[in-house]
Amino acid sequence: WISNPAGRHAATDSADGVVMNPAGLVRMDDGVHLHFSSQSLYNPYKI
């Protein structure tokens, strides 16, 4: 999603569809698919 914030809600190519397009998961190949992501964020605030 970080790579393309518009491209995951109709995607059928990865297990991250668990939270973005669950119905598309059945279009993947037979087998067990695992996905791990990690993010680091620099997000400053100012008042």
ModelCIF file with pLDDT and N, C-alpha, C, O atoms, coordinates in Angstrom:
data_MODEL
#
_entry.id   MODEL 
#
_entity.id                         1 
_entity.type                       polymer 
_entity.pdbx_number_of_molecules   1 
#
_entity_poly.entity_id                      1 
_entity_poly.type                           'polypeptide(L)' 
_entity_poly.nstd_linkage                   no 
_entity_poly.nstd_monomer                   no 
_entity_poly.pdbx_seq_one_letter_code       WISNPAGRHAATDSADGVVMNPAGLVRMDDGVHLHFSSQSLYNPYKI 
_entity_poly.pdbx_seq_one_letter_code_can   WISNPAGRHAATDSADGVVMNPAGLVRMDDGVHLHFSSQSLYNPYKI 
_entity_poly.pdbx_strand_id                 A 
#
loop_
_entity_poly_seq.entity_id 
_entity_poly_seq.num 
_entity_poly_seq.mon_id 
_entity_poly_seq.hetero 
1 1  TRP n 
1 2  ILE n 
1 3  SER n 
1 4  ASN n 
1 5  PRO n 
1 6  ALA n 
1 7  GLY n 
1 8  ARG n 
1 9  HIS n 
1 10 ALA n 
1 11 ALA n 
1 12 THR n 
1 13 ASP n 
1 14 SER n 
1 15 ALA n 
1 16 ASP n 
1 17 GLY n 
1 18 VAL n 
1 19 VAL n 
1 20 MET n 
1 21 ASN n 
1 22 PRO n 
1 23 ALA n 
1 24 GLY n 
1 25 LEU n 
1 26 VAL n 
1 27 ARG n 
1 28 MET n 
1 29 ASP n 
1 30 ASP n 
1 31 GLY n 
1 32 VAL n 
1 33 HIS n 
1 34 LEU n 
1 35 HIS n 
1 36 PHE n 
1 37 SER n 
1 38 SER n 
1 39 GLN n 
1 40 SER n 
1 41 LEU n 
1 42 TYR n 
1 43 ASN n 
1 44 PRO n 
1 45 TYR n 
1 46 LYS n 
1 47 ILE n 
#
_struct_asym.id          A 
_struct_asym.entity_id   1 
#
loop_
_ma_qa_metric.id 
_ma_qa_metric.mode 
_ma_qa_metric.name 
_ma_qa_metric.software_group_id 
_ma_qa_metric.type 
1 global pLDDT . pLDDT 
2 local  pLDDT . pLDDT 
#
_ma_qa_metric_global.metric_id      1 
_ma_qa_metric_global.metric_value   94.60 
_ma_qa_metric_global.model_id       1 
_ma_qa_metric_global.ordinal_id     1 
#
loop_
_ma_qa_metric_local.label_asym_id 
_ma_qa_metric_local.label_comp_id 
_ma_qa_metric_local.label_seq_id 
_ma_qa_metric_local.metric_id 
_ma_qa_metric_local.metric_value 
_ma_qa_metric_local.model_id 
_ma_qa_metric_local.ordinal_id 
A TRP 1  2 95.00 1 1  
A ILE 2  2 95.00 1 2  
A SER 3  2 96.00 1 3  
A ASN 4  2 97.00 1 4  
A PRO 5  2 94.00 1 5  
A ALA 6  2 95.00 1 6  
A GLY 7  2 94.00 1 7  
A ARG 8  2 95.00 1 8  
A HIS 9  2 96.00 1 9  
A ALA 10 2 97.00 1 10 
A ALA 11 2 96.00 1 11 
A THR 12 2 95.00 1 12 
A ASP 13 2 94.00 1 13 
A SER 14 2 96.00 1 14 
A ALA 15 2 97.00 1 15 
A ASP 16 2 97.00 1 16 
A GLY 17 2 97.00 1 17 
A VAL 18 2 98.00 1 18 
A VAL 19 2 97.00 1 19 
A MET 20 2 96.00 1 20 
A ASN 21 2 98.00 1 21 
A PRO 22 2 98.00 1 22 
A ALA 23 2 98.00 1 23 
A GLY 24 2 98.00 1 24 
A LEU 25 2 98.00 1 25 
A VAL 26 2 98.00 1 26 
A ARG 27 2 96.00 1 27 
A MET 28 2 97.00 1 28 
A ASP 29 2 96.00 1 29 
A ASP 30 2 97.00 1 30 
A GLY 31 2 97.00 1 31 
A VAL 32 2 98.00 1 32 
A HIS 33 2 98.00 1 33 
A LEU 34 2 98.00 1 34 
A HIS 35 2 98.00 1 35 
A PHE 36 2 98.00 1 36 
A SER 37 2 96.00 1 37 
A SER 38 2 94.00 1 38 
A GLN 39 2 92.00 1 39 
A SER 40 2 91.00 1 40 
A LEU 41 2 88.00 1 41 
A TYR 42 2 87.00 1 42 
A ASN 43 2 82.00 1 43 
A PRO 44 2 84.00 1 44 
A TYR 45 2 83.00 1 45 
A LYS 46 2 86.00 1 46 
A ILE 47 2 85.00 1 47 
#
loop_
_atom_site.group_PDB 
_atom_site.id 
_atom_site.type_symbol 
_atom_site.label_atom_id 
_atom_site.label_alt_id 
_atom_site.label_comp_id 
_atom_site.label_asym_id 
_atom_site.label_entity_id 
_atom_site.label_seq_id 
_atom_site.pdbx_PDB_ins_code 
_atom_site.Cartn_x 
_atom_site.Cartn_y 
_atom_site.Cartn_z 
_atom_site.occupancy 
_atom_site.B_iso_or_equiv 
_atom_site.pdbx_formal_charge 
_atom_site.auth_seq_id 
_atom_site.auth_comp_id 
_atom_site.auth_asym_id 
_atom_site.auth_atom_id 
_atom_site.pdbx_PDB_model_num 
ATOM 1   N N  . TRP A 1 1  ? 0.832   -1.202  0.000  1.00 95.00 ? 1  TRP A N  1 
ATOM 2   C CA . TRP A 1 1  ? 0.000   0.000   0.000  1.00 95.00 ? 1  TRP A CA 1 
ATOM 3   C C  . TRP A 1 1  ? 0.868   1.254   0.000  1.00 95.00 ? 1  TRP A C  1 
ATOM 4   O O  . TRP A 1 1  ? 0.532   2.235   -0.664 1.00 95.00 ? 1  TRP A O  1 
ATOM 5   N N  . ILE A 1 2  ? 1.987   1.238   0.740  1.00 95.00 ? 2  ILE A N  1 
ATOM 6   C CA . ILE A 1 2  ? 2.900   2.375   0.740  1.00 95.00 ? 2  ILE A CA 1 
ATOM 7   C C  . ILE A 1 2  ? 3.395   2.651   -0.676 1.00 95.00 ? 2  ILE A C  1 
ATOM 8   O O  . ILE A 1 2  ? 3.528   3.809   -1.070 1.00 95.00 ? 2  ILE A O  1 
ATOM 9   N N  . SER A 1 3  ? 3.667   1.607   -1.435 1.00 96.00 ? 3  SER A N  1 
ATOM 10  C CA . SER A 1 3  ? 4.167   1.758   -2.804 1.00 96.00 ? 3  SER A CA 1 
ATOM 11  C C  . SER A 1 3  ? 3.116   2.349   -3.744 1.00 96.00 ? 3  SER A C  1 
ATOM 12  O O  . SER A 1 3  ? 3.449   3.071   -4.684 1.00 96.00 ? 3  SER A O  1 
ATOM 13  N N  . ASN A 1 4  ? 1.845   2.037   -3.483 1.00 97.00 ? 4  ASN A N  1 
ATOM 14  C CA . ASN A 1 4  ? 0.756   2.532   -4.331 1.00 97.00 ? 4  ASN A CA 1 
ATOM 15  C C  . ASN A 1 4  ? -0.525  2.578   -3.499 1.00 97.00 ? 4  ASN A C  1 
ATOM 16  O O  . ASN A 1 4  ? -1.220  1.568   -3.399 1.00 97.00 ? 4  ASN A O  1 
ATOM 17  N N  . PRO A 1 5  ? -0.855  3.733   -2.894 1.00 94.00 ? 5  PRO A N  1 
ATOM 18  C CA . PRO A 1 5  ? -2.011  3.809   -1.996 1.00 94.00 ? 5  PRO A CA 1 
ATOM 19  C C  . PRO A 1 5  ? -3.353  3.644   -2.694 1.00 94.00 ? 5  PRO A C  1 
ATOM 20  O O  . PRO A 1 5  ? -4.387  3.578   -2.029 1.00 94.00 ? 5  PRO A O  1 
ATOM 21  N N  . ALA A 1 6  ? -3.357  3.575   -4.011 1.00 95.00 ? 6  ALA A N  1 
ATOM 22  C CA . ALA A 1 6  ? -4.614  3.368   -4.743 1.00 95.00 ? 6  ALA A CA 1 
ATOM 23  C C  . ALA A 1 6  ? -4.732  1.969   -5.323 1.00 95.00 ? 6  ALA A C  1 
ATOM 24  O O  . ALA A 1 6  ? -5.746  1.634   -5.934 1.00 95.00 ? 6  ALA A O  1 
ATOM 25  N N  . GLY A 1 7  ? -3.691  1.141   -5.135 1.00 94.00 ? 7  GLY A N  1 
ATOM 26  C CA . GLY A 1 7  ? -3.620  -0.088  -5.897 1.00 94.00 ? 7  GLY A CA 1 
ATOM 27  C C  . GLY A 1 7  ? -3.947  -1.380  -5.185 1.00 94.00 ? 7  GLY A C  1 
ATOM 28  O O  . GLY A 1 7  ? -3.810  -2.448  -5.783 1.00 94.00 ? 7  GLY A O  1 
ATOM 29  N N  . ARG A 1 8  ? -4.381  -1.332  -3.906 1.00 95.00 ? 8  ARG A N  1 
ATOM 30  C CA . ARG A 1 8  ? -4.535  -2.590  -3.167 1.00 95.00 ? 8  ARG A CA 1 
ATOM 31  C C  . ARG A 1 8  ? -5.980  -3.033  -2.967 1.00 95.00 ? 8  ARG A C  1 
ATOM 32  O O  . ARG A 1 8  ? -6.212  -4.197  -2.639 1.00 95.00 ? 8  ARG A O  1 
ATOM 33  N N  . HIS A 1 9  ? -6.939  -2.168  -3.149 1.00 96.00 ? 9  HIS A N  1 
ATOM 34  C CA . HIS A 1 9  ? -8.317  -2.531  -2.804 1.00 96.00 ? 9  HIS A CA 1 
ATOM 35  C C  . HIS A 1 9  ? -9.006  -3.371  -3.865 1.00 96.00 ? 9  HIS A C  1 
ATOM 36  O O  . HIS A 1 9  ? -10.138 -3.812  -3.668 1.00 96.00 ? 9  HIS A O  1 
ATOM 37  N N  . ALA A 1 10 ? -8.340  -3.595  -4.984 1.00 97.00 ? 10 ALA A N  1 
ATOM 38  C CA . ALA A 1 10 ? -8.846  -4.557  -5.968 1.00 97.00 ? 10 ALA A CA 1 
ATOM 39  C C  . ALA A 1 10 ? -7.750  -5.542  -6.363 1.00 97.00 ? 10 ALA A C  1 
ATOM 40  O O  . ALA A 1 10 ? -7.865  -6.228  -7.379 1.00 97.00 ? 10 ALA A O  1 
ATOM 41  N N  . ALA A 1 11 ? -6.694  -5.611  -5.564 1.00 96.00 ? 11 ALA A N  1 
ATOM 42  C CA . ALA A 1 11 ? -5.575  -6.501  -5.871 1.00 96.00 ? 11 ALA A CA 1 
ATOM 43  C C  . ALA A 1 11 ? -5.901  -7.934  -5.471 1.00 96.00 ? 11 ALA A C  1 
ATOM 44  O O  . ALA A 1 11 ? -6.638  -8.167  -4.513 1.00 96.00 ? 11 ALA A O  1 
ATOM 45  N N  . THR A 1 12 ? -5.345  -8.895  -6.213 1.00 95.00 ? 12 THR A N  1 
ATOM 46  C CA . THR A 1 12 ? -5.562  -10.325 -5.931 1.00 95.00 ? 12 THR A CA 1 
ATOM 47  C C  . THR A 1 12 ? -4.244  -11.094 -5.936 1.00 95.00 ? 12 THR A C  1 
ATOM 48  O O  . THR A 1 12 ? -4.233  -12.306 -6.151 1.00 95.00 ? 12 THR A O  1 
ATOM 49  N N  . ASP A 1 13 ? -3.119  -10.385 -5.697 1.00 94.00 ? 13 ASP A N  1 
ATOM 50  C CA . ASP A 1 13 ? -1.806  -11.002 -5.882 1.00 94.00 ? 13 ASP A CA 1 
ATOM 51  C C  . ASP A 1 13 ? -1.031  -11.202 -4.593 1.00 94.00 ? 13 ASP A C  1 
ATOM 52  O O  . ASP A 1 13 ? 0.100   -11.686 -4.643 1.00 94.00 ? 13 ASP A O  1 
ATOM 53  N N  . SER A 1 14 ? -1.594  -10.846 -3.423 1.00 96.00 ? 14 SER A N  1 
ATOM 54  C CA . SER A 1 14 ? -0.823  -10.923 -2.187 1.00 96.00 ? 14 SER A CA 1 
ATOM 55  C C  . SER A 1 14 ? -1.740  -11.151 -1.000 1.00 96.00 ? 14 SER A C  1 
ATOM 56  O O  . SER A 1 14 ? -2.924  -10.815 -1.033 1.00 96.00 ? 14 SER A O  1 
ATOM 57  N N  . ALA A 1 15 ? -1.166  -11.734 0.058  1.00 97.00 ? 15 ALA A N  1 
ATOM 58  C CA . ALA A 1 15 ? -1.936  -12.008 1.269  1.00 97.00 ? 15 ALA A CA 1 
ATOM 59  C C  . ALA A 1 15 ? -2.303  -10.748 2.034  1.00 97.00 ? 15 ALA A C  1 
ATOM 60  O O  . ALA A 1 15 ? -3.095  -10.825 2.974  1.00 97.00 ? 15 ALA A O  1 
ATOM 61  N N  . ASP A 1 16 ? -1.753  -9.571  1.667  1.00 97.00 ? 16 ASP A N  1 
ATOM 62  C CA . ASP A 1 16 ? -2.212  -8.352  2.347  1.00 97.00 ? 16 ASP A CA 1 
ATOM 63  C C  . ASP A 1 16 ? -3.657  -8.025  1.985  1.00 97.00 ? 16 ASP A C  1 
ATOM 64  O O  . ASP A 1 16 ? -4.252  -7.114  2.562  1.00 97.00 ? 16 ASP A O  1 
ATOM 65  N N  . GLY A 1 17 ? -4.223  -8.763  1.032  1.00 97.00 ? 17 GLY A N  1 
ATOM 66  C CA . GLY A 1 17 ? -5.646  -8.656  0.735  1.00 97.00 ? 17 GLY A CA 1 
ATOM 67  C C  . GLY A 1 17 ? -6.526  -9.035  1.911  1.00 97.00 ? 17 GLY A C  1 
ATOM 68  O O  . GLY A 1 17 ? -7.726  -8.761  1.895  1.00 97.00 ? 17 GLY A O  1 
ATOM 69  N N  . VAL A 1 18 ? -5.953  -9.658  2.931  1.00 98.00 ? 18 VAL A N  1 
ATOM 70  C CA . VAL A 1 18 ? -6.689  -10.000 4.154  1.00 98.00 ? 18 VAL A CA 1 
ATOM 71  C C  . VAL A 1 18 ? -7.407  -8.772  4.706  1.00 98.00 ? 18 VAL A C  1 
ATOM 72  O O  . VAL A 1 18 ? -8.521  -8.885  5.218  1.00 98.00 ? 18 VAL A O  1 
ATOM 73  N N  . VAL A 1 19 ? -6.778  -7.594  4.608  1.00 97.00 ? 19 VAL A N  1 
ATOM 74  C CA . VAL A 1 19 ? -7.392  -6.385  5.146  1.00 97.00 ? 19 VAL A CA 1 
ATOM 75  C C  . VAL A 1 19 ? -7.857  -5.423  4.062  1.00 97.00 ? 19 VAL A C  1 
ATOM 76  O O  . VAL A 1 19 ? -8.484  -4.413  4.380  1.00 97.00 ? 19 VAL A O  1 
ATOM 77  N N  . MET A 1 20 ? -7.573  -5.700  2.792  1.00 96.00 ? 20 MET A N  1 
ATOM 78  C CA . MET A 1 20 ? -7.942  -4.740  1.756  1.00 96.00 ? 20 MET A CA 1 
ATOM 79  C C  . MET A 1 20 ? -8.870  -5.306  0.687  1.00 96.00 ? 20 MET A C  1 
ATOM 80  O O  . MET A 1 20 ? -9.680  -4.561  0.136  1.00 96.00 ? 20 MET A O  1 
ATOM 81  N N  . ASN A 1 21 ? -8.782  -6.576  0.381  1.00 98.00 ? 21 ASN A N  1 
ATOM 82  C CA . ASN A 1 21 ? -9.691  -7.207  -0.577 1.00 98.00 ? 21 ASN A CA 1 
ATOM 83  C C  . ASN A 1 21 ? -9.800  -8.697  -0.262 1.00 98.00 ? 21 ASN A C  1 
ATOM 84  O O  . ASN A 1 21 ? -9.291  -9.522  -1.020 1.00 98.00 ? 21 ASN A O  1 
ATOM 85  N N  . PRO A 1 22 ? -10.454 -9.055  0.841  1.00 98.00 ? 22 PRO A N  1 
ATOM 86  C CA . PRO A 1 22 ? -10.508 -10.468 1.256  1.00 98.00 ? 22 PRO A CA 1 
ATOM 87  C C  . PRO A 1 22 ? -11.094 -11.391 0.202  1.00 98.00 ? 22 PRO A C  1 
ATOM 88  O O  . PRO A 1 22 ? -10.622 -12.516 0.036  1.00 98.00 ? 22 PRO A O  1 
ATOM 89  N N  . ALA A 1 23 ? -12.119 -10.933 -0.518 1.00 98.00 ? 23 ALA A N  1 
ATOM 90  C CA . ALA A 1 23 ? -12.743 -11.797 -1.522 1.00 98.00 ? 23 ALA A CA 1 
ATOM 91  C C  . ALA A 1 23 ? -11.785 -12.121 -2.657 1.00 98.00 ? 23 ALA A C  1 
ATOM 92  O O  . ALA A 1 23 ? -11.946 -13.143 -3.324 1.00 98.00 ? 23 ALA A O  1 
ATOM 93  N N  . GLY A 1 24 ? -10.791 -11.269 -2.889 1.00 98.00 ? 24 GLY A N  1 
ATOM 94  C CA . GLY A 1 24 ? -9.820  -11.521 -3.943 1.00 98.00 ? 24 GLY A CA 1 
ATOM 95  C C  . GLY A 1 24 ? -8.800  -12.581 -3.598 1.00 98.00 ? 24 GLY A C  1 
ATOM 96  O O  . GLY A 1 24 ? -8.071  -13.040 -4.477 1.00 98.00 ? 24 GLY A O  1 
ATOM 97  N N  . LEU A 1 25 ? -8.728  -12.987 -2.329 1.00 98.00 ? 25 LEU A N  1 
ATOM 98  C CA . LEU A 1 25 ? -7.735  -13.986 -1.910 1.00 98.00 ? 25 LEU A CA 1 
ATOM 99  C C  . LEU A 1 25 ? -7.979  -15.345 -2.551 1.00 98.00 ? 25 LEU A C  1 
ATOM 100 O O  . LEU A 1 25 ? -7.044  -16.130 -2.713 1.00 98.00 ? 25 LEU A O  1 
ATOM 101 N N  . VAL A 1 26 ? -9.204  -15.624 -2.910 1.00 98.00 ? 26 VAL A N  1 
ATOM 102 C CA . VAL A 1 26 ? -9.515  -16.923 -3.509 1.00 98.00 ? 26 VAL A CA 1 
ATOM 103 C C  . VAL A 1 26 ? -9.046  -16.987 -4.973 1.00 98.00 ? 26 VAL A C  1 
ATOM 104 O O  . VAL A 1 26 ? -9.108  -18.047 -5.596 1.00 98.00 ? 26 VAL A O  1 
ATOM 105 N N  . ARG A 1 27 ? -8.583  -15.865 -5.513 1.00 96.00 ? 27 ARG A N  1 
ATOM 106 C CA . ARG A 1 27 ? -8.057  -15.835 -6.872 1.00 96.00 ? 27 ARG A CA 1 
ATOM 107 C C  . ARG A 1 27 ? -6.551  -16.111 -6.914 1.00 96.00 ? 27 ARG A C  1 
ATOM 108 O O  . ARG A 1 27 ? -5.964  -16.161 -7.994 1.00 96.00 ? 27 ARG A O  1 
ATOM 109 N N  . MET A 1 28 ? -5.930  -16.288 -5.757 1.00 97.00 ? 28 MET A N  1 
ATOM 110 C CA . MET A 1 28 ? -4.511  -16.631 -5.720 1.00 97.00 ? 28 MET A CA 1 
ATOM 111 C C  . MET A 1 28 ? -4.329  -18.127 -6.028 1.00 97.00 ? 28 MET A C  1 
ATOM 112 O O  . MET A 1 28 ? -5.296  -18.888 -6.019 1.00 97.00 ? 28 MET A O  1 
ATOM 113 N N  . ASP A 1 29 ? -3.079  -18.539 -6.301 1.00 96.00 ? 29 ASP A N  1 
ATOM 114 C CA . ASP A 1 29 ? -2.790  -19.943 -6.567 1.00 96.00 ? 29 ASP A CA 1 
ATOM 115 C C  . ASP A 1 29 ? -3.018  -20.782 -5.311 1.00 96.00 ? 29 ASP A C  1 
ATOM 116 O O  . ASP A 1 29 ? -2.963  -20.262 -4.196 1.00 96.00 ? 29 ASP A O  1 
ATOM 117 N N  . ASP A 1 30 ? -3.270  -22.060 -5.488 1.00 97.00 ? 30 ASP A N  1 
ATOM 118 C CA . ASP A 1 30 ? -3.404  -22.959 -4.341 1.00 97.00 ? 30 ASP A CA 1 
ATOM 119 C C  . ASP A 1 30 ? -2.102  -22.986 -3.543 1.00 97.00 ? 30 ASP A C  1 
ATOM 120 O O  . ASP A 1 30 ? -1.007  -22.993 -4.104 1.00 97.00 ? 30 ASP A O  1 
ATOM 121 N N  . GLY A 1 31 ? -2.253  -23.001 -2.216 1.00 97.00 ? 31 GLY A N  1 
ATOM 122 C CA . GLY A 1 31 ? -1.089  -23.041 -1.346 1.00 97.00 ? 31 GLY A CA 1 
ATOM 123 C C  . GLY A 1 31 ? -1.274  -22.137 -0.144 1.00 97.00 ? 31 GLY A C  1 
ATOM 124 O O  . GLY A 1 31 ? -2.356  -21.597 0.085  1.00 97.00 ? 31 GLY A O  1 
ATOM 125 N N  . VAL A 1 32 ? -0.200  -21.978 0.625  1.00 98.00 ? 32 VAL A N  1 
ATOM 126 C CA . VAL A 1 32 ? -0.187  -21.087 1.795  1.00 98.00 ? 32 VAL A CA 1 
ATOM 127 C C  . VAL A 1 32 ? 0.647   -19.862 1.442  1.00 98.00 ? 32 VAL A C  1 
ATOM 128 O O  . VAL A 1 32 ? 1.819   -19.978 1.082  1.00 98.00 ? 32 VAL A O  1 
ATOM 129 N N  . HIS A 1 33 ? 0.040   -18.707 1.548  1.00 98.00 ? 33 HIS A N  1 
ATOM 130 C CA . HIS A 1 33 ? 0.693   -17.457 1.190  1.00 98.00 ? 33 HIS A CA 1 
ATOM 131 C C  . HIS A 1 33 ? 0.897   -16.623 2.455  1.00 98.00 ? 33 HIS A C  1 
ATOM 132 O O  . HIS A 1 33 ? -0.052  -16.365 3.195  1.00 98.00 ? 33 HIS A O  1 
ATOM 133 N N  . LEU A 1 34 ? 2.139   -16.205 2.696  1.00 98.00 ? 34 LEU A N  1 
ATOM 134 C CA . LEU A 1 34 ? 2.474   -15.392 3.863  1.00 98.00 ? 34 LEU A CA 1 
ATOM 135 C C  . LEU A 1 34 ? 2.990   -14.028 3.406  1.00 98.00 ? 34 LEU A C  1 
ATOM 136 O O  . LEU A 1 34 ? 3.719   -13.920 2.420  1.00 98.00 ? 34 LEU A O  1 
ATOM 137 N N  . HIS A 1 35 ? 2.594   -12.990 4.145  1.00 98.00 ? 35 HIS A N  1 
ATOM 138 C CA . HIS A 1 35 ? 3.066   -11.641 3.855  1.00 98.00 ? 35 HIS A CA 1 
ATOM 139 C C  . HIS A 1 35 ? 3.477   -10.969 5.160  1.00 98.00 ? 35 HIS A C  1 
ATOM 140 O O  . HIS A 1 35 ? 2.716   -10.948 6.128  1.00 98.00 ? 35 HIS A O  1 
ATOM 141 N N  . PHE A 1 36 ? 4.697   -10.418 5.174  1.00 98.00 ? 36 PHE A N  1 
ATOM 142 C CA . PHE A 1 36 ? 5.176   -9.645  6.321  1.00 98.00 ? 36 PHE A CA 1 
ATOM 143 C C  . PHE A 1 36 ? 5.611   -8.273  5.842  1.00 98.00 ? 36 PHE A C  1 
ATOM 144 O O  . PHE A 1 36 ? 6.348   -8.156  4.863  1.00 98.00 ? 36 PHE A O  1 
ATOM 145 N N  . SER A 1 37 ? 5.154   -7.229  6.537  1.00 96.00 ? 37 SER A N  1 
ATOM 146 C CA . SER A 1 37 ? 5.566   -5.867  6.231  1.00 96.00 ? 37 SER A CA 1 
ATOM 147 C C  . SER A 1 37 ? 6.051   -5.177  7.498  1.00 96.00 ? 37 SER A C  1 
ATOM 148 O O  . SER A 1 37 ? 5.622   -5.508  8.603  1.00 96.00 ? 37 SER A O  1 
ATOM 149 N N  . SER A 1 38 ? 6.943   -4.221  7.325  1.00 94.00 ? 38 SER A N  1 
ATOM 150 C CA . SER A 1 38 ? 7.336   -3.348  8.421  1.00 94.00 ? 38 SER A CA 1 
ATOM 151 C C  . SER A 1 38 ? 7.510   -1.948  7.869  1.00 94.00 ? 38 SER A C  1 
ATOM 152 O O  . SER A 1 38 ? 8.007   -1.758  6.759  1.00 94.00 ? 38 SER A O  1 
ATOM 153 N N  . GLN A 1 39 ? 7.089   -0.956  8.672  1.00 92.00 ? 39 GLN A N  1 
ATOM 154 C CA . GLN A 1 39 ? 7.168   0.428   8.246  1.00 92.00 ? 39 GLN A CA 1 
ATOM 155 C C  . GLN A 1 39 ? 7.897   1.268   9.288  1.00 92.00 ? 39 GLN A C  1 
ATOM 156 O O  . GLN A 1 39 ? 7.808   1.010   10.489 1.00 92.00 ? 39 GLN A O  1 
ATOM 157 N N  . SER A 1 40 ? 8.603   2.253   8.817  1.00 91.00 ? 40 SER A N  1 
ATOM 158 C CA . SER A 1 40 ? 9.239   3.261   9.670  1.00 91.00 ? 40 SER A CA 1 
ATOM 159 C C  . SER A 1 40 ? 8.741   4.620   9.209  1.00 91.00 ? 40 SER A C  1 
ATOM 160 O O  . SER A 1 40 ? 8.705   4.909   8.013  1.00 91.00 ? 40 SER A O  1 
ATOM 161 N N  . LEU A 1 41 ? 8.356   5.453   10.175 1.00 88.00 ? 41 LEU A N  1 
ATOM 162 C CA . LEU A 1 41 ? 7.705   6.717   9.846  1.00 88.00 ? 41 LEU A CA 1 
ATOM 163 C C  . LEU A 1 41 ? 8.343   7.879   10.571 1.00 88.00 ? 41 LEU A C  1 
ATOM 164 O O  . LEU A 1 41 ? 8.556   7.827   11.782 1.00 88.00 ? 41 LEU A O  1 
ATOM 165 N N  . TYR A 1 42 ? 8.649   8.932   9.825  1.00 87.00 ? 42 TYR A N  1 
ATOM 166 C CA . TYR A 1 42 ? 9.040   10.210  10.408 1.00 87.00 ? 42 TYR A CA 1 
ATOM 167 C C  . TYR A 1 42 ? 7.874   11.165  10.186 1.00 87.00 ? 42 TYR A C  1 
ATOM 168 O O  . TYR A 1 42 ? 7.614   11.585  9.058  1.00 87.00 ? 42 TYR A O  1 
ATOM 169 N N  . ASN A 1 43 ? 7.176   11.507  11.263 1.00 82.00 ? 43 ASN A N  1 
ATOM 170 C CA . ASN A 1 43 ? 5.924   12.252  11.153 1.00 82.00 ? 43 ASN A CA 1 
ATOM 171 C C  . ASN A 1 43 ? 5.911   13.384  12.172 1.00 82.00 ? 43 ASN A C  1 
ATOM 172 O O  . ASN A 1 43 ? 5.328   13.228  13.246 1.00 82.00 ? 43 ASN A O  1 
ATOM 173 N N  . PRO A 1 44 ? 6.534   14.515  11.868 1.00 84.00 ? 44 PRO A N  1 
ATOM 174 C CA . PRO A 1 44 ? 6.626   15.602  12.847 1.00 84.00 ? 44 PRO A CA 1 
ATOM 175 C C  . PRO A 1 44 ? 5.290   16.324  13.061 1.00 84.00 ? 44 PRO A C  1 
ATOM 176 O O  . PRO A 1 44 ? 4.442   16.374  12.170 1.00 84.00 ? 44 PRO A O  1 
ATOM 177 N N  . TYR A 1 45 ? 5.132   16.872  14.246 1.00 83.00 ? 45 TYR A N  1 
ATOM 178 C CA . TYR A 1 45 ? 3.968   17.679  14.603 1.00 83.00 ? 45 TYR A CA 1 
ATOM 179 C C  . TYR A 1 45 ? 4.461   19.057  15.055 1.00 83.00 ? 45 TYR A C  1 
ATOM 180 O O  . TYR A 1 45 ? 5.561   19.196  15.589 1.00 83.00 ? 45 TYR A O  1 
ATOM 181 N N  . LYS A 1 46 ? 3.620   20.067  14.828 1.00 86.00 ? 46 LYS A N  1 
ATOM 182 C CA . LYS A 1 46 ? 3.977   21.410  15.275 1.00 86.00 ? 46 LYS A CA 1 
ATOM 183 C C  . LYS A 1 46 ? 2.723   22.168  15.681 1.00 86.00 ? 46 LYS A C  1 
ATOM 184 O O  . LYS A 1 46 ? 1.707   22.116  14.987 1.00 86.00 ? 46 LYS A O  1 
ATOM 185 N N  . ILE A 1 47 ? 2.793   22.876  16.809 1.00 85.00 ? 47 ILE A N  1 
ATOM 186 C CA . ILE A 1 47 ? 1.688   23.690  17.309 1.00 85.00 ? 47 ILE A CA 1 
ATOM 187 C C  . ILE A 1 47 ? 2.189   25.116  17.455 1.00 85.00 ? 47 ILE A C  1 
ATOM 188 O O  . ILE A 1 47 ? 1.433   25.997  17.864 1.00 85.00 ? 47 ILE A O  1 
#
